[in-house]
């Protein structure tokens, strides 16, 4: 079984719902009958 990762955002590819994992543990997030995917970190804007 997979582990949910603390601090990671997960997104449903069907409806677009996003969740933030606040406690790591065994299991996966499921929405619309499908496993939610981990979101890639978004780059921060430069402060030039």
PDB file of N, CA and C in Angstrom:
ATOM      1  N   UNK A   1       0.846  -1.186   0.000  1.00  0.00           N
ATOM      2  CA  UNK A   1       0.000   0.000   0.000  1.00  0.00           C
ATOM      3  C   UNK A   1       0.886   1.242   0.000  1.00  0.00           C
ATOM      4  N   UNK A   2       0.421   2.293  -0.650  1.00  0.00           N
ATOM      5  CA  UNK A   2       1.158   3.551  -0.756  1.00  0.00           C
ATOM      6  C   UNK A   2       1.046   4.365   0.527  1.00  0.00           C
ATOM      7  N   UNK A   3       1.919   5.331   0.632  1.00  0.00           N
ATOM      8  CA  UNK A   3       1.901   6.241   1.782  1.00  0.00           C
ATOM      9  C   UNK A   3       1.536   7.637   1.293  1.00  0.00           C
ATOM     10  N   UNK A   4       0.663   8.313   2.032  1.00  0.00           N
ATOM     11  CA  UNK A   4       0.406   9.724   1.749  1.00  0.00           C
ATOM     12  C   UNK A   4       1.556  10.516   2.359  1.00  0.00           C
ATOM     13  N   UNK A   5       1.972  11.577   1.676  1.00  0.00           N
ATOM     14  CA  UNK A   5       3.161  12.318   2.084  1.00  0.00           C
ATOM     15  C   UNK A   5       2.783  13.651   2.730  1.00  0.00           C
ATOM     16  N   UNK A   6       3.286  13.872   3.920  1.00  0.00           N
ATOM     17  CA  UNK A   6       3.019  15.087   4.684  1.00  0.00           C
ATOM     18  C   UNK A   6       3.421  16.325   3.891  1.00  0.00           C
ATOM     19  N   UNK A   7       2.522  17.304   3.825  1.00  0.00           N
ATOM     20  CA  UNK A   7       2.815  18.571   3.167  1.00  0.00           C
ATOM     21  C   UNK A   7       2.622  18.576   1.667  1.00  0.00           C
ATOM     22  N   UNK A   8       2.298  17.440   1.078  1.00  0.00           N
ATOM     23  CA  UNK A   8       2.105  17.367  -0.373  1.00  0.00           C
ATOM     24  C   UNK A   8       0.661  17.675  -0.727  1.00  0.00           C
ATOM     25  N   UNK A   9       0.469  18.264  -1.895  1.00  0.00           N
ATOM     26  CA  UNK A   9      -0.873  18.528  -2.418  1.00  0.00           C
ATOM     27  C   UNK A   9      -1.226  17.434  -3.416  1.00  0.00           C
ATOM     28  N   UNK A  10      -2.476  17.014  -3.355  1.00  0.00           N
ATOM     29  CA  UNK A  10      -2.981  15.983  -4.255  1.00  0.00           C
ATOM     30  C   UNK A  10      -4.152  16.567  -5.027  1.00  0.00           C
ATOM     31  N   UNK A  11      -4.282  16.195  -6.319  1.00  0.00           N
ATOM     32  CA  UNK A  11      -5.342  16.753  -7.152  1.00  0.00           C
ATOM     33  C   UNK A  11      -6.079  15.645  -7.885  1.00  0.00           C
ATOM     34  N   UNK A  12      -7.415  15.778  -7.932  1.00  0.00           N
ATOM     35  CA  UNK A  12      -8.259  14.859  -8.687  1.00  0.00           C
ATOM     36  C   UNK A  12      -8.205  15.273 -10.154  1.00  0.00           C
ATOM     37  N   UNK A  13      -7.864  14.338 -11.030  1.00  0.00           N
ATOM     38  CA  UNK A  13      -7.782  14.638 -12.453  1.00  0.00           C
ATOM     39  C   UNK A  13      -9.157  14.690 -13.110  1.00  0.00           C
ATOM     40  N   UNK A  14     -10.210  14.262 -12.395  1.00  0.00           N
ATOM     41  CA  UNK A  14     -11.562  14.273 -12.952  1.00  0.00           C
ATOM     42  C   UNK A  14     -12.261  15.603 -12.660  1.00  0.00           C
ATOM     43  N   UNK A  15     -12.337  15.989 -11.378  1.00  0.00           N
ATOM     44  CA  UNK A  15     -13.107  17.182 -11.003  1.00  0.00           C
ATOM     45  C   UNK A  15     -12.248  18.371 -10.578  1.00  0.00           C
ATOM     46  N   UNK A  16     -10.938  18.155 -10.367  1.00  0.00           N
ATOM     47  CA  UNK A  16     -10.047  19.256 -10.009  1.00  0.00           C
ATOM     48  C   UNK A  16      -9.929  19.543  -8.523  1.00  0.00           C
ATOM     49  N   UNK A  17     -10.589  18.738  -7.675  1.00  0.00           N
ATOM     50  CA  UNK A  17     -10.490  18.935  -6.231  1.00  0.00           C
ATOM     51  C   UNK A  17      -9.043  18.765  -5.788  1.00  0.00           C
ATOM     52  N   UNK A  18      -8.573  19.650  -4.904  1.00  0.00           N
ATOM     53  CA  UNK A  18      -7.220  19.564  -4.365  1.00  0.00           C
ATOM     54  C   UNK A  18      -7.282  19.388  -2.858  1.00  0.00           C
ATOM     55  N   UNK A  19      -6.368  18.573  -2.311  1.00  0.00           N
ATOM     56  CA  UNK A  19      -6.263  18.389  -0.869  1.00  0.00           C
ATOM     57  C   UNK A  19      -4.804  18.533  -0.460  1.00  0.00           C
ATOM     58  N   UNK A  20      -4.588  18.945   0.786  1.00  0.00           N
ATOM     59  CA  UNK A  20      -3.254  19.063   1.359  1.00  0.00           C
ATOM     60  C   UNK A  20      -3.140  18.033   2.465  1.00  0.00           C
ATOM     61  N   UNK A  21      -2.118  17.186   2.412  1.00  0.00           N
ATOM     62  CA  UNK A  21      -1.923  16.149   3.420  1.00  0.00           C
ATOM     63  C   UNK A  21      -1.332  16.781   4.679  1.00  0.00           C
ATOM     64  N   UNK A  22      -2.059  16.673   5.796  1.00  0.00           N
ATOM     65  CA  UNK A  22      -1.598  17.251   7.061  1.00  0.00           C
ATOM     66  C   UNK A  22      -1.098  16.198   8.040  1.00  0.00           C
ATOM     67  N   UNK A  23      -1.238  14.921   7.675  1.00  0.00           N
ATOM     68  CA  UNK A  23      -0.742  13.837   8.516  1.00  0.00           C
ATOM     69  C   UNK A  23      -0.378  12.664   7.612  1.00  0.00           C
ATOM     70  N   UNK A  24       0.905  12.301   7.589  1.00  0.00           N
ATOM     71  CA  UNK A  24       1.366  11.203   6.745  1.00  0.00           C
ATOM     72  C   UNK A  24       0.842   9.878   7.271  1.00  0.00           C
ATOM     73  N   UNK A  25       0.670   8.923   6.386  1.00  0.00           N
ATOM     74  CA  UNK A  25       0.207   7.611   6.804  1.00  0.00           C
ATOM     75  C   UNK A  25       0.007   6.683   5.625  1.00  0.00           C
ATOM     76  N   UNK A  26      -0.356   5.445   5.925  1.00  0.00           N
ATOM     77  CA  UNK A  26      -0.617   4.473   4.875  1.00  0.00           C
ATOM     78  C   UNK A  26      -1.943   4.792   4.211  1.00  0.00           C
ATOM     79  N   UNK A  27      -1.996   4.572   2.919  1.00  0.00           N
ATOM     80  CA  UNK A  27      -3.231   4.794   2.183  1.00  0.00           C
ATOM     81  C   UNK A  27      -3.052   5.843   1.101  1.00  0.00           C
ATOM     82  N   UNK A  28      -4.098   6.023   0.322  1.00  0.00           N
ATOM     83  CA  UNK A  28      -4.083   6.978  -0.780  1.00  0.00           C
ATOM     84  C   UNK A  28      -5.349   7.824  -0.721  1.00  0.00           C
ATOM     85  N   UNK A  29      -5.294   8.985  -1.345  1.00  0.00           N
ATOM     86  CA  UNK A  29      -6.481   9.826  -1.468  1.00  0.00           C
ATOM     87  C   UNK A  29      -7.221   9.398  -2.725  1.00  0.00           C
ATOM     88  N   UNK A  30      -8.547   9.256  -2.617  1.00  0.00           N
ATOM     89  CA  UNK A  30      -9.372   8.844  -3.748  1.00  0.00           C
ATOM     90  C   UNK A  30     -10.506   9.843  -3.914  1.00  0.00           C
ATOM     91  N   UNK A  31     -10.753  10.239  -5.163  1.00  0.00           N
ATOM     92  CA  UNK A  31     -11.847  11.149  -5.492  1.00  0.00           C
ATOM     93  C   UNK A  31     -12.400  10.723  -6.847  1.00  0.00           C
ATOM     94  N   UNK A  32     -13.703  10.754  -7.010  1.00  0.00           N
ATOM     95  CA  UNK A  32     -14.361  10.374  -8.267  1.00  0.00           C
ATOM     96  C   UNK A  32     -13.978   8.954  -8.684  1.00  0.00           C
ATOM     97  N   UNK A  33     -13.694   8.090  -7.697  1.00  0.00           N
ATOM     98  CA  UNK A  33     -13.367   6.696  -7.975  1.00  0.00           C
ATOM     99  C   UNK A  33     -11.949   6.455  -8.458  1.00  0.00           C
ATOM    100  N   UNK A  34     -11.094   7.497  -8.481  1.00  0.00           N
ATOM    101  CA  UNK A  34      -9.715   7.356  -8.955  1.00  0.00           C
ATOM    102  C   UNK A  34      -8.745   7.893  -7.911  1.00  0.00           C
ATOM    103  N   UNK A  35      -7.551   7.309  -7.897  1.00  0.00           N
ATOM    104  CA  UNK A  35      -6.512   7.766  -6.978  1.00  0.00           C
ATOM    105  C   UNK A  35      -6.058   9.167  -7.368  1.00  0.00           C
ATOM    106  N   UNK A  36      -5.931  10.040  -6.373  1.00  0.00           N
ATOM    107  CA  UNK A  36      -5.483  11.412  -6.630  1.00  0.00           C
ATOM    108  C   UNK A  36      -3.971  11.427  -6.831  1.00  0.00           C
ATOM    109  N   UNK A  37      -3.499  12.319  -7.696  1.00  0.00           N
ATOM    110  CA  UNK A  37      -2.081  12.408  -8.043  1.00  0.00           C
ATOM    111  C   UNK A  37      -1.405  13.526  -7.261  1.00  0.00           C
ATOM    112  N   UNK A  38      -0.122  13.302  -6.903  1.00  0.00           N
ATOM    113  CA  UNK A  38       0.668  14.322  -6.203  1.00  0.00           C
ATOM    114  C   UNK A  38       0.947  15.462  -7.177  1.00  0.00           C
ATOM    115  N   UNK A  39       0.742  16.698  -6.710  1.00  0.00           N
ATOM    116  CA  UNK A  39       1.028  17.878  -7.522  1.00  0.00           C
ATOM    117  C   UNK A  39       2.518  18.187  -7.470  1.00  0.00           C
ATOM    118  N   UNK A  40       3.062  18.630  -8.588  1.00  0.00           N
ATOM    119  CA  UNK A  40       4.453  19.070  -8.637  1.00  0.00           C
ATOM    120  C   UNK A  40       4.546  20.450  -7.982  1.00  0.00           C
ATOM    121  N   UNK A  41       5.661  20.746  -7.317  1.00  0.00           N
ATOM    122  CA  UNK A  41       5.811  22.077  -6.706  1.00  0.00           C
ATOM    123  C   UNK A  41       5.781  23.164  -7.781  1.00  0.00           C
ATOM    124  N   UNK A  42       5.154  24.275  -7.452  1.00  0.00           N
ATOM    125  CA  UNK A  42       5.110  25.404  -8.380  1.00  0.00           C
ATOM    126  C   UNK A  42       6.315  26.290  -8.107  1.00  0.00           C
ATOM    127  N   UNK A  43       7.008  26.736  -9.153  1.00  0.00           N
ATOM    128  CA  UNK A  43       8.157  27.621  -8.924  1.00  0.00           C
ATOM    129  C   UNK A  43       7.694  28.973  -8.386  1.00  0.00           C
ATOM    130  N   UNK A  44       8.457  29.510  -7.457  1.00  0.00           N
ATOM    131  CA  UNK A  44       8.151  30.825  -6.901  1.00  0.00           C
ATOM    132  C   UNK A  44       8.618  31.905  -7.870  1.00  0.00           C
ATOM    133  N   UNK A  45       7.921  33.024  -7.918  1.00  0.00           N
ATOM    134  CA  UNK A  45       8.380  34.110  -8.797  1.00  0.00           C
ATOM    135  C   UNK A  45       9.701  34.675  -8.281  1.00  0.00           C
ATOM    136  N   UNK A  46      10.538  35.095  -9.201  1.00  0.00           N
ATOM    137  CA  UNK A  46      11.819  35.667  -8.777  1.00  0.00           C
ATOM    138  C   UNK A  46      11.583  37.036  -8.163  1.00  0.00           C
ATOM    139  N   UNK A  47      12.460  37.429  -7.268  1.00  0.00           N
ATOM    140  CA  UNK A  47      12.316  38.714  -6.573  1.00  0.00           C
ATOM    141  C   UNK A  47      13.335  39.726  -7.088  1.00  0.00           C
ATOM    142  N   UNK A  48      13.583  39.685  -8.389  1.00  0.00           N
ATOM    143  CA  UNK A  48      14.558  40.604  -8.998  1.00  0.00           C
ATOM    144  C   UNK A  48      14.099  42.027  -8.921  1.00  0.00           C
TER     145      UNK A  48
END
